[in-house]
Amino acid sequence: MNTTERLPEIIQGGMGIGVSTWELAKAVSKQNQMGVVSGTAIDSVIIRRLQLGDPGGDIRRAMSHFPLQDVAESVLNKFFIPGGKSPDEPFKLIPMPAVNMQRSSIELIIIANFIEVFLSKEGHNGVVGINYLEKIQLPTLPSIFGAMLGGVDFILMGAGIPLSIPGIIDKLSRLEPVELRLAVEDNTLSQNFLNYFDPREFRSPSLRELKRPKFLAIVSSDIIAKTLVKKASGCVDGFIVEGHTAGGHNAPPRRTDKPHTQHSQQFTAKDIPNISKIAELNRPFWLAGGYASPDKLREALSESASGIQVGTAFAICKESAIMPEIKQNIIRKSLDGSLDVYTDFKASPTGYPFKMIRLENTMTDPIKIKIRKRICDLGYLRRLYYKGDSEIGYRCPAEPVENFIKKGGTIEETIDKQCLCNGLIATIGLGQIRDYGVEPPIITSGEDYSPITNIVKNVGSDYSAKDVINYLKG
């Protein structure tokens, strides 16, 4: 990246599932900062919005601009319900991600990413990014292609070390076939399993190339940043340096001399990124996790950072997709000082620490935990494992325990695991209808929620993304 070009000082975090929706990213980008949409499970988000009737017609408007109109028509015919489905009718599901997905599933992933990016970029000249998780591999290649069709400016990726992604972006921009090496458990023979994607099969005949978006890796240490600079398959254009106080998934603690418990903090000074060493890499970088204040923005700039990434304050603004009643509950608790944010070392099927908020009527509510039945029907966080004879299987420690054990897992791996896929999509009002009621949401947040308190005291509880930016800029 040319370090002389103007870069945004504020990046709005790409919060999934669907929290960082196109409305939020667009509002931020129109303020000359970087709006970011979440690409995690965006195919399920789009089809559920369609099943609710696509209020306002935004999805259908975006679909009318998709290069392959036969694909758009097929998706509409399968999932759009005029006026919306009945409130007690379950959402129609799509096949779970797999190594050899049906063409229709790949097409849905492509158009869903296109839709979210197209809507976020519509009507302004600001920059827009999309956020993915390295841990979720199977949809990655068609997802990036769909976002590039939509004209995305930046691709952000964390929850792992995305060494292969820069080269994949390069090839997709030239419409060349790409492959991604898959992480497969129980692969004692170290066989090489790959996922393939050929963009030429999913493009209009007139398309010759695509704009290459810049790639920002989300890292937790200078060691990972150096590794990416030296070993990545292409250019890493910059970094988002995320500390362990940030919301969502955190990098595992480096200290290993004591066992981690579910609810106790085990991070130490070893887990604080060395900013000066990252600055020595001569790549633009933004600091994240506890930097959402005017003073912290100035501090970041003084440390040679290009700026900061902010999630939690944007998550509660009016353009965010979190259900309004959850936002207001969080605001009330933040104002009276009773908001309880903690790091759960067992909840996520990924094995990574995950930030949670204790709130009634969510998956931290003992009553909800007791009545919810284990189910895995979205499958984004399923792990691949080797079954033998070159065959891959799929398992998730949050699925029914007996199923996980039959697939070679252990009962210890299932203890206290939460279904993040169903819980996070429920947070934005798209929870599945079960026989025991609607799926309870899972709420994540950064540890520092003081920006919410400060903004609400200044402008009120129905604050906007613009209000967040004004606060951060002082």
Protein backbone atom coordinates (compact mmCIF):
# COMPACT_ATOMS: atom_id res chain seq x y z
CA MET A 1 0.00 0.00 0.00
CA ASN A 2 1.25 3.43 -0.85
CA THR A 3 1.73 5.00 2.56
CA THR A 4 1.34 8.50 1.11
CA GLU A 5 -2.29 7.93 0.13
CA ARG A 6 -4.98 9.17 2.48
CA LEU A 7 -6.11 6.43 4.84
CA PRO A 8 -9.09 6.53 7.21
CA GLU A 9 -8.24 7.11 10.84
CA ILE A 10 -11.23 5.06 12.00
CA ILE A 11 -12.17 1.57 10.87
CA GLN A 12 -15.56 0.33 12.00
CA GLY A 13 -15.22 -3.27 13.14
CA GLY A 14 -16.69 -6.02 10.96
CA MET A 15 -18.92 -7.64 13.56
CA GLY A 16 -20.77 -10.85 12.76
CA ILE A 17 -23.11 -12.45 12.27
CA GLY A 18 -24.69 -9.55 10.40
CA VAL A 19 -24.23 -6.93 13.15
CA SER A 20 -22.05 -4.87 10.83
CA THR A 21 -24.71 -4.69 8.17
CA TRP A 22 -24.57 -2.59 5.03
CA GLU A 23 -26.51 0.26 6.65
CA LEU A 24 -23.81 0.66 9.31
CA ALA A 25 -20.89 0.36 6.89
CA LYS A 26 -22.48 2.86 4.53
CA ALA A 27 -23.10 5.38 7.33
CA VAL A 28 -19.46 5.17 8.41
CA SER A 29 -18.05 5.35 4.87
CA LYS A 30 -20.09 8.46 4.12
CA GLN A 31 -18.18 10.12 6.98
CA ASN A 32 -14.87 9.45 5.16
CA GLN A 33 -13.93 6.58 7.47
CA MET A 34 -13.86 2.86 6.65
CA GLY A 35 -17.18 1.08 6.95
CA VAL A 36 -16.89 -2.71 7.16
CA VAL A 37 -19.56 -5.35 6.59
CA SER A 38 -19.36 -8.82 8.06
CA GLY A 39 -19.07 -11.64 5.53
CA THR A 40 -19.58 -14.37 8.12
CA ALA A 41 -22.65 -16.49 7.29
CA ILE A 42 -23.88 -13.73 4.97
CA ASP A 43 -25.65 -16.28 2.74
CA SER A 44 -27.89 -17.31 5.66
CA VAL A 45 -28.45 -13.66 6.59
CA ILE A 46 -29.54 -12.73 3.06
CA ILE A 47 -31.97 -15.63 2.62
CA ARG A 48 -33.57 -14.94 6.00
CA ARG A 49 -34.03 -11.29 5.12
CA LEU A 50 -35.68 -12.43 1.90
CA GLN A 51 -37.96 -14.78 3.82
CA LEU A 52 -39.02 -11.82 5.96
CA GLY A 53 -40.16 -10.08 2.78
CA ASP A 54 -37.12 -7.85 2.15
CA PRO A 55 -38.71 -4.75 3.74
CA GLY A 56 -37.73 -1.71 1.71
CA GLY A 57 -36.68 -3.83 -1.25
CA ASP A 58 -32.94 -3.21 -0.77
CA ILE A 59 -31.84 -6.79 -1.38
CA ARG A 60 -33.90 -7.06 -4.55
CA ARG A 61 -32.53 -3.74 -5.77
CA ALA A 62 -28.97 -4.99 -5.27
CA MET A 63 -29.82 -8.29 -6.97
CA SER A 64 -31.01 -6.40 -10.04
CA HIS A 65 -27.40 -5.21 -10.49
CA PHE A 66 -25.82 -8.67 -10.13
CA PRO A 67 -24.00 -9.63 -13.35
CA LEU A 68 -25.71 -13.05 -13.63
CA GLN A 69 -29.45 -12.39 -13.58
CA ASP A 70 -30.36 -16.06 -13.87
CA VAL A 71 -28.66 -16.63 -10.51
CA ALA A 72 -30.51 -13.68 -8.98
CA GLU A 73 -33.84 -14.97 -10.24
CA SER A 74 -33.14 -18.46 -8.91
CA VAL A 75 -32.34 -17.12 -5.41
CA LEU A 76 -35.48 -14.98 -5.41
CA ASN A 77 -37.67 -17.88 -6.51
CA LYS A 78 -36.30 -20.10 -3.74
CA PHE A 79 -36.31 -17.71 -0.80
CA PHE A 80 -38.29 -14.50 -1.31
CA ILE A 81 -41.67 -14.44 0.46
CA PRO A 82 -43.80 -11.39 -0.42
CA GLY A 83 -44.99 -9.82 2.84
CA GLY A 84 -42.76 -12.15 4.86
CA LYS A 85 -43.20 -15.57 6.40
CA SER A 86 -45.53 -16.26 9.32
CA PRO A 87 -43.86 -15.38 12.68
CA ASP A 88 -44.21 -18.97 13.91
CA GLU A 89 -42.86 -20.53 10.72
CA PRO A 90 -39.21 -21.65 10.83
CA PHE A 91 -36.71 -20.16 8.40
CA LYS A 92 -35.92 -22.29 5.38
CA LEU A 93 -32.35 -23.57 5.64
CA ILE A 94 -29.61 -23.95 3.06
CA PRO A 95 -27.12 -26.86 2.85
CA MET A 96 -24.27 -26.50 5.31
CA PRO A 97 -20.84 -25.52 3.93
CA ALA A 98 -18.94 -28.51 2.54
CA VAL A 99 -15.84 -29.26 0.52
CA ASN A 100 -17.84 -30.19 -2.58
CA MET A 101 -20.73 -27.75 -2.47
CA GLN A 102 -23.58 -27.75 -4.95
CA ARG A 103 -23.32 -25.08 -7.63
CA SER A 104 -26.45 -23.40 -6.26
CA SER A 105 -24.80 -23.06 -2.83
CA ILE A 106 -21.69 -21.48 -4.36
CA GLU A 107 -23.84 -19.08 -6.37
CA LEU A 108 -25.72 -18.07 -3.22
CA ILE A 109 -22.46 -17.32 -1.39
CA ILE A 110 -21.25 -15.19 -4.31
CA ILE A 111 -24.43 -13.16 -4.68
CA ALA A 112 -24.87 -12.70 -0.91
CA ASN A 113 -21.42 -11.15 -0.58
CA PHE A 114 -22.07 -9.03 -3.67
CA ILE A 115 -25.36 -7.76 -2.22
CA GLU A 116 -23.88 -6.67 1.11
CA VAL A 117 -20.95 -4.87 -0.51
CA PHE A 118 -23.05 -3.30 -3.27
CA LEU A 119 -25.53 -1.82 -0.80
CA SER A 120 -22.78 -0.53 1.48
CA LYS A 121 -21.08 1.28 -1.45
CA GLU A 122 -24.23 2.61 -3.07
CA GLY A 123 -24.52 6.39 -3.46
CA HIS A 124 -21.14 7.58 -2.12
CA ASN A 125 -17.40 7.46 -2.82
CA GLY A 126 -16.17 6.25 0.57
CA VAL A 127 -14.20 3.05 1.13
CA VAL A 128 -15.81 -0.19 2.27
CA GLY A 129 -14.24 -3.34 3.67
CA ILE A 130 -15.52 -6.83 4.37
CA ASN A 131 -14.45 -8.99 7.30
CA TYR A 132 -13.94 -12.76 7.24
CA LEU A 133 -12.70 -15.36 9.73
CA GLU A 134 -9.75 -17.51 8.70
CA LYS A 135 -11.25 -20.32 10.80
CA ILE A 136 -14.27 -20.49 8.46
CA GLN A 137 -12.61 -21.83 5.31
CA LEU A 138 -15.20 -23.54 3.13
CA PRO A 139 -17.09 -20.42 1.94
CA THR A 140 -13.94 -18.26 1.71
CA LEU A 141 -13.09 -18.43 -2.00
CA PRO A 142 -16.57 -17.70 -3.46
CA SER A 143 -17.15 -15.15 -0.68
CA ILE A 144 -14.11 -13.08 -1.65
CA PHE A 145 -15.05 -13.33 -5.33
CA GLY A 146 -18.59 -12.09 -4.60
CA ALA A 147 -17.27 -9.17 -2.56
CA MET A 148 -14.88 -8.26 -5.37
CA LEU A 149 -17.76 -8.34 -7.87
CA GLY A 150 -19.43 -5.81 -5.58
CA GLY A 151 -16.37 -3.55 -5.72
CA VAL A 152 -15.09 -4.02 -2.16
CA ASP A 153 -12.08 -1.84 -1.32
CA PHE A 154 -10.55 -3.77 1.60
CA ILE A 155 -10.63 -7.38 2.78
CA LEU A 156 -9.98 -7.93 6.47
CA MET A 157 -9.32 -11.34 8.00
CA GLY A 158 -8.46 -12.59 11.46
CA ALA A 159 -9.04 -15.64 13.72
CA GLY A 160 -5.95 -17.34 12.34
CA ILE A 161 -2.92 -16.61 10.18
CA PRO A 162 -4.21 -16.00 6.63
CA LEU A 163 -0.99 -16.63 4.72
CA SER A 164 -2.67 -17.72 1.49
CA ILE A 165 -5.30 -14.97 1.20
CA PRO A 166 -3.20 -12.19 -0.45
CA GLY A 167 -2.22 -14.48 -3.33
CA ILE A 168 -5.81 -15.66 -3.70
CA ILE A 169 -6.97 -12.04 -4.00
CA ASP A 170 -4.32 -11.42 -6.67
CA LYS A 171 -5.48 -14.39 -8.74
CA LEU A 172 -9.18 -13.63 -8.37
CA SER A 173 -8.55 -10.10 -9.63
CA ARG A 174 -7.17 -11.71 -12.80
CA LEU A 175 -10.07 -14.21 -12.87
CA GLU A 176 -7.69 -17.14 -12.41
CA PRO A 177 -8.54 -20.40 -10.58
CA VAL A 178 -7.59 -20.47 -6.90
CA GLU A 179 -7.14 -23.05 -4.18
CA LEU A 180 -7.12 -22.96 -0.39
CA ARG A 181 -5.44 -25.54 1.81
CA LEU A 182 -7.91 -26.87 4.37
CA ALA A 183 -7.21 -27.54 8.04
CA VAL A 184 -8.22 -31.16 8.68
CA GLU A 185 -8.11 -32.78 12.12
CA ASP A 186 -6.98 -36.38 12.69
CA ASN A 187 -4.92 -36.10 9.51
CA THR A 188 -2.06 -38.20 10.84
CA LEU A 189 -0.65 -38.80 7.36
CA SER A 190 -0.49 -35.02 6.72
CA GLN A 191 -2.39 -35.34 3.47
CA ASN A 192 -2.93 -32.16 1.49
CA PHE A 193 -6.64 -31.31 1.25
CA LEU A 194 -7.55 -28.37 -0.97
CA ASN A 195 -10.64 -26.37 -1.79
CA TYR A 196 -10.84 -25.19 -5.41
CA PHE A 197 -12.70 -22.33 -7.07
CA ASP A 198 -12.68 -21.16 -10.67
CA PRO A 199 -14.13 -17.65 -11.04
CA ARG A 200 -14.49 -18.08 -14.81
CA GLU A 201 -17.43 -20.41 -14.16
CA PHE A 202 -19.32 -17.67 -12.30
CA ARG A 203 -18.77 -14.49 -14.32
CA SER A 204 -20.41 -12.69 -17.18
CA PRO A 205 -18.67 -13.18 -20.58
CA SER A 206 -17.70 -9.51 -20.80
CA LEU A 207 -15.81 -9.45 -17.48
CA ARG A 208 -12.04 -9.51 -18.01
CA GLU A 209 -10.63 -8.50 -14.60
CA LEU A 210 -11.61 -7.19 -11.19
CA LYS A 211 -10.23 -4.41 -9.01
CA ARG A 212 -7.87 -5.88 -6.43
CA PRO A 213 -8.96 -4.88 -2.93
CA LYS A 214 -6.27 -4.19 -0.37
CA PHE A 215 -5.74 -6.84 2.29
CA LEU A 216 -5.55 -6.10 6.02
CA ALA A 217 -4.62 -8.94 8.36
CA ILE A 218 -6.01 -8.84 11.89
CA VAL A 219 -3.15 -9.84 14.19
CA SER A 220 -2.52 -10.07 17.91
CA SER A 221 1.28 -9.81 17.95
CA ASP A 222 4.30 -8.53 16.06
CA ILE A 223 5.40 -12.16 15.57
CA ILE A 224 2.30 -12.96 13.52
CA ALA A 225 2.66 -9.70 11.60
CA LYS A 226 6.29 -10.50 10.73
CA THR A 227 5.32 -14.02 9.66
CA LEU A 228 2.71 -12.64 7.29
CA VAL A 229 5.12 -10.12 5.77
CA LYS A 230 7.72 -12.82 5.16
CA LYS A 231 5.60 -15.84 4.21
CA ALA A 232 2.26 -14.64 2.83
CA SER A 233 1.48 -15.64 -0.75
CA GLY A 234 1.13 -12.00 -1.80
CA CYS A 235 1.22 -8.47 -0.45
CA VAL A 236 -0.21 -7.81 3.01
CA ASP A 237 -1.21 -4.17 2.67
CA GLY A 238 -1.56 -3.47 6.38
CA PHE A 239 -2.57 -4.74 9.80
CA ILE A 240 -5.23 -4.33 12.41
CA VAL A 241 -3.50 -4.99 15.71
CA GLU A 242 -6.13 -6.31 18.08
CA GLY A 243 -5.59 -6.64 21.82
CA HIS A 244 -7.31 -9.22 24.00
CA THR A 245 -9.84 -6.71 25.36
CA ALA A 246 -11.59 -6.57 21.96
CA GLY A 247 -14.98 -8.17 21.43
CA GLY A 248 -15.68 -11.42 19.61
CA HIS A 249 -12.91 -13.98 19.28
CA ASN A 250 -9.53 -13.24 20.86
CA ALA A 251 -6.19 -14.87 20.13
CA PRO A 252 -5.42 -17.55 22.72
CA PRO A 253 -3.22 -16.40 25.60
CA ARG A 254 0.49 -17.06 25.14
CA ARG A 255 0.95 -17.99 28.81
CA THR A 256 0.53 -21.75 29.28
CA ASP A 257 1.86 -22.47 32.77
CA LYS A 258 -1.64 -22.40 34.31
CA PRO A 259 -4.81 -24.08 33.04
CA HIS A 260 -7.51 -21.76 31.69
CA THR A 261 -10.91 -21.84 33.31
CA GLN A 262 -14.14 -20.92 31.62
CA HIS A 263 -14.66 -17.51 33.18
CA SER A 264 -11.32 -16.36 34.60
CA GLN A 265 -8.98 -13.97 32.89
CA GLN A 266 -5.70 -15.62 31.92
CA PHE A 267 -4.12 -12.98 29.70
CA THR A 268 -0.82 -11.47 30.78
CA ALA A 269 1.65 -8.82 29.67
CA LYS A 270 2.94 -11.34 27.12
CA ASP A 271 -0.32 -10.92 25.22
CA ILE A 272 0.07 -7.16 24.72
CA PRO A 273 1.21 -6.46 21.13
CA ASN A 274 4.58 -4.76 20.69
CA ILE A 275 3.53 -1.70 18.69
CA SER A 276 7.03 -0.41 18.00
CA LYS A 277 8.03 -3.69 16.34
CA ILE A 278 4.91 -3.64 14.19
CA ALA A 279 5.69 -0.06 13.17
CA GLU A 280 9.11 -1.26 11.98
CA LEU A 281 7.40 -3.37 9.30
CA ASN A 282 6.57 -0.15 7.40
CA ARG A 283 2.97 -1.12 6.72
CA PRO A 284 -0.08 0.92 7.71
CA PHE A 285 -1.67 -0.41 10.89
CA TRP A 286 -4.64 0.37 13.10
CA LEU A 287 -4.94 -0.40 16.82
CA ALA A 288 -8.01 -2.20 18.18
CA GLY A 289 -9.30 -3.30 21.57
CA GLY A 290 -9.79 -0.49 24.08
CA TYR A 291 -8.90 2.38 21.70
CA ALA A 292 -12.36 3.93 21.33
CA SER A 293 -11.75 7.39 22.71
CA PRO A 294 -10.30 10.70 21.46
CA ASP A 295 -7.27 10.27 23.73
CA LYS A 296 -6.64 6.74 22.50
CA LEU A 297 -6.95 7.84 18.89
CA ARG A 298 -4.31 10.52 19.50
CA GLU A 299 -2.16 7.95 21.30
CA ALA A 300 -2.42 5.55 18.36
CA LEU A 301 -1.43 8.24 15.90
CA SER A 302 1.53 9.19 18.10
CA GLU A 303 2.72 5.56 17.91
CA SER A 304 2.84 5.75 14.10
CA ALA A 305 -0.49 3.96 13.65
CA SER A 306 -2.81 5.07 10.84
CA GLY A 307 -5.64 5.09 13.34
CA ILE A 308 -7.92 2.77 15.29
CA GLN A 309 -10.56 0.10 14.76
CA VAL A 310 -13.71 0.41 16.88
CA GLY A 311 -16.41 -2.20 17.34
CA THR A 312 -18.48 -1.98 20.52
CA ALA A 313 -19.54 1.67 20.21
CA PHE A 314 -20.70 1.07 16.64
CA ALA A 315 -22.45 -2.16 17.62
CA ILE A 316 -24.94 -0.23 19.77
CA CYS A 317 -25.58 2.66 17.36
CA LYS A 318 -28.89 2.85 15.52
CA GLU A 319 -27.52 1.65 12.17
CA SER A 320 -26.26 -1.61 13.68
CA ALA A 321 -28.42 -4.71 13.14
CA ILE A 322 -28.53 -5.79 16.79
CA MET A 323 -32.13 -5.97 17.98
CA PRO A 324 -33.22 -2.63 19.55
CA GLU A 325 -34.28 -4.21 22.84
CA ILE A 326 -30.81 -5.73 23.28
CA LYS A 327 -29.15 -2.38 22.53
CA GLN A 328 -31.29 -0.59 25.10
CA ASN A 329 -30.60 -3.26 27.71
CA ILE A 330 -26.85 -2.89 27.14
CA ILE A 331 -27.10 0.90 27.34
CA ARG A 332 -29.03 0.74 30.62
CA LYS A 333 -26.48 -1.60 32.17
CA SER A 334 -23.53 0.42 30.88
CA LEU A 335 -24.97 3.59 32.40
CA ASP A 336 -25.55 2.04 35.83
CA GLY A 337 -22.23 0.17 35.75
CA SER A 338 -23.73 -3.33 35.88
CA LEU A 339 -22.76 -4.52 32.39
CA ASP A 340 -20.84 -7.78 32.82
CA VAL A 341 -18.40 -8.53 29.99
CA TYR A 342 -16.16 -11.56 30.43
CA THR A 343 -13.87 -13.84 28.44
CA ASP A 344 -15.21 -17.36 28.03
CA PHE A 345 -12.47 -19.85 27.22
CA LYS A 346 -14.84 -22.71 26.42
CA ALA A 347 -17.89 -21.27 24.65
CA SER A 348 -16.59 -21.07 21.07
CA PRO A 349 -16.37 -24.24 18.96
CA THR A 350 -13.20 -22.74 17.43
CA GLY A 351 -11.31 -23.20 20.67
CA TYR A 352 -10.51 -19.48 20.76
CA PRO A 353 -11.46 -17.30 23.75
CA PHE A 354 -14.71 -15.43 23.14
CA LYS A 355 -16.07 -12.29 24.80
CA MET A 356 -19.61 -12.61 26.21
CA ILE A 357 -22.11 -10.27 27.90
CA ARG A 358 -24.29 -11.67 30.67
CA LEU A 359 -27.84 -10.67 29.82
CA GLU A 360 -31.22 -12.13 30.63
CA ASN A 361 -32.99 -13.95 27.80
CA THR A 362 -29.69 -14.71 26.05
CA MET A 363 -27.44 -17.77 26.04
CA THR A 364 -25.83 -16.62 29.28
CA ASP A 365 -29.22 -16.90 31.01
CA PRO A 366 -29.33 -20.20 33.01
CA ILE A 367 -32.97 -20.69 32.05
CA LYS A 368 -32.19 -20.42 28.34
CA ILE A 369 -29.19 -22.72 28.70
CA LYS A 370 -31.37 -25.34 30.35
CA ILE A 371 -34.17 -25.37 27.76
CA ARG A 372 -32.08 -25.07 24.60
CA LYS A 373 -31.44 -28.30 22.74
CA ARG A 374 -28.13 -28.86 21.01
CA ILE A 375 -28.42 -28.67 17.24
CA CYS A 376 -26.06 -27.98 14.35
CA ASP A 377 -27.96 -26.87 11.26
CA LEU A 378 -25.92 -23.87 10.05
CA GLY A 379 -22.49 -25.46 10.30
CA TYR A 380 -20.14 -22.56 9.65
CA LEU A 381 -17.89 -23.50 12.57
CA ARG A 382 -17.85 -27.22 11.91
CA ARG A 383 -14.38 -28.71 11.93
CA LEU A 384 -13.10 -30.95 9.16
CA TYR A 385 -11.66 -34.31 10.18
CA TYR A 386 -10.12 -37.21 8.30
CA LYS A 387 -12.30 -40.32 8.18
CA GLY A 388 -9.89 -42.49 6.19
CA ASP A 389 -9.75 -43.48 2.51
CA SER A 390 -9.23 -39.79 1.59
CA GLU A 391 -12.68 -38.93 2.95
CA ILE A 392 -13.44 -35.84 5.02
CA GLY A 393 -16.09 -35.61 7.72
CA TYR A 394 -17.58 -32.68 9.62
CA ARG A 395 -18.08 -32.24 13.35
CA CYS A 396 -18.72 -29.47 15.84
CA PRO A 397 -18.26 -29.66 19.63
CA ALA A 398 -21.49 -27.63 20.00
CA GLU A 399 -23.58 -30.24 18.15
CA PRO A 400 -25.41 -33.03 20.04
CA VAL A 401 -22.82 -34.73 22.22
CA GLU A 402 -23.54 -38.25 21.02
CA ASN A 403 -23.11 -37.20 17.40
CA PHE A 404 -19.78 -35.52 18.12
CA ILE A 405 -18.44 -38.58 19.95
CA LYS A 406 -19.52 -40.90 17.11
CA LYS A 407 -17.35 -38.77 14.81
CA GLY A 408 -14.25 -39.30 16.94
CA GLY A 409 -14.57 -36.31 19.25
CA THR A 410 -14.31 -36.46 23.03
CA ILE A 411 -16.91 -35.53 25.60
CA GLU A 412 -14.42 -33.10 27.20
CA GLU A 413 -14.42 -31.02 24.00
CA THR A 414 -18.20 -30.54 24.20
CA ILE A 415 -18.35 -29.16 27.75
CA ASP A 416 -19.87 -25.64 27.90
CA LYS A 417 -19.73 -25.23 24.13
CA GLN A 418 -22.23 -22.76 22.64
CA CYS A 419 -23.70 -22.72 19.16
CA LEU A 420 -22.30 -19.38 18.02
CA CYS A 421 -23.80 -19.78 14.55
CA ASN A 422 -27.40 -19.87 15.79
CA GLY A 423 -26.78 -17.56 18.74
CA LEU A 424 -25.13 -14.75 16.80
CA ILE A 425 -27.66 -14.74 13.96
CA ALA A 426 -30.41 -14.55 16.61
CA THR A 427 -28.80 -11.34 17.92
CA ILE A 428 -29.91 -9.52 14.77
CA GLY A 429 -33.49 -10.78 14.93
CA LEU A 430 -33.04 -13.76 12.60
CA GLY A 431 -33.15 -16.53 15.20
CA GLN A 432 -34.55 -19.86 14.11
CA ILE A 433 -37.98 -20.98 15.38
CA ARG A 434 -37.73 -24.15 17.49
CA ASP A 435 -40.25 -26.22 19.40
CA TYR A 436 -38.96 -24.54 22.58
CA GLY A 437 -39.22 -21.03 21.10
CA VAL A 438 -36.89 -18.70 19.23
CA GLU A 439 -33.16 -19.43 19.43
CA PRO A 440 -31.64 -17.29 22.22
CA PRO A 441 -29.05 -14.71 21.12
CA ILE A 442 -25.38 -14.60 22.07
CA ILE A 443 -24.03 -11.10 22.71
CA THR A 444 -20.39 -10.16 22.41
CA SER A 445 -18.67 -6.89 23.29
CA GLY A 446 -15.30 -5.42 24.01
CA GLU A 447 -14.33 -5.09 27.66
CA ASP A 448 -14.30 -1.29 27.48
CA TYR A 449 -17.87 -0.05 27.10
CA SER A 450 -17.16 3.45 28.44
CA PRO A 451 -17.53 4.93 24.90
CA ILE A 452 -21.19 3.89 24.96
CA THR A 453 -21.69 5.68 28.28
CA ASN A 454 -19.89 8.82 27.10
CA ILE A 455 -21.76 9.03 23.80
CA VAL A 456 -25.18 8.38 25.36
CA LYS A 457 -24.60 11.07 27.98
CA ASN A 458 -23.79 13.54 25.21
CA VAL A 459 -26.35 12.76 22.50
CA GLY A 460 -28.84 10.23 23.91
CA SER A 461 -29.42 6.51 23.60
CA ASP A 462 -30.55 6.59 19.96
CA TYR A 463 -27.14 7.65 18.75
CA SER A 464 -25.80 7.22 15.21
CA ALA A 465 -22.60 6.05 13.57
CA LYS A 466 -21.87 9.71 12.84
CA ASP A 467 -22.14 10.44 16.58
CA VAL A 468 -19.56 7.75 17.28
CA ILE A 469 -17.15 9.27 14.77
CA ASN A 470 -17.70 12.78 16.12
CA TYR A 471 -16.94 11.52 19.62
CA LEU A 472 -13.77 9.71 18.53
CA LYS A 473 -12.55 12.74 16.58
CA GLY A 474 -13.06 14.91 19.64
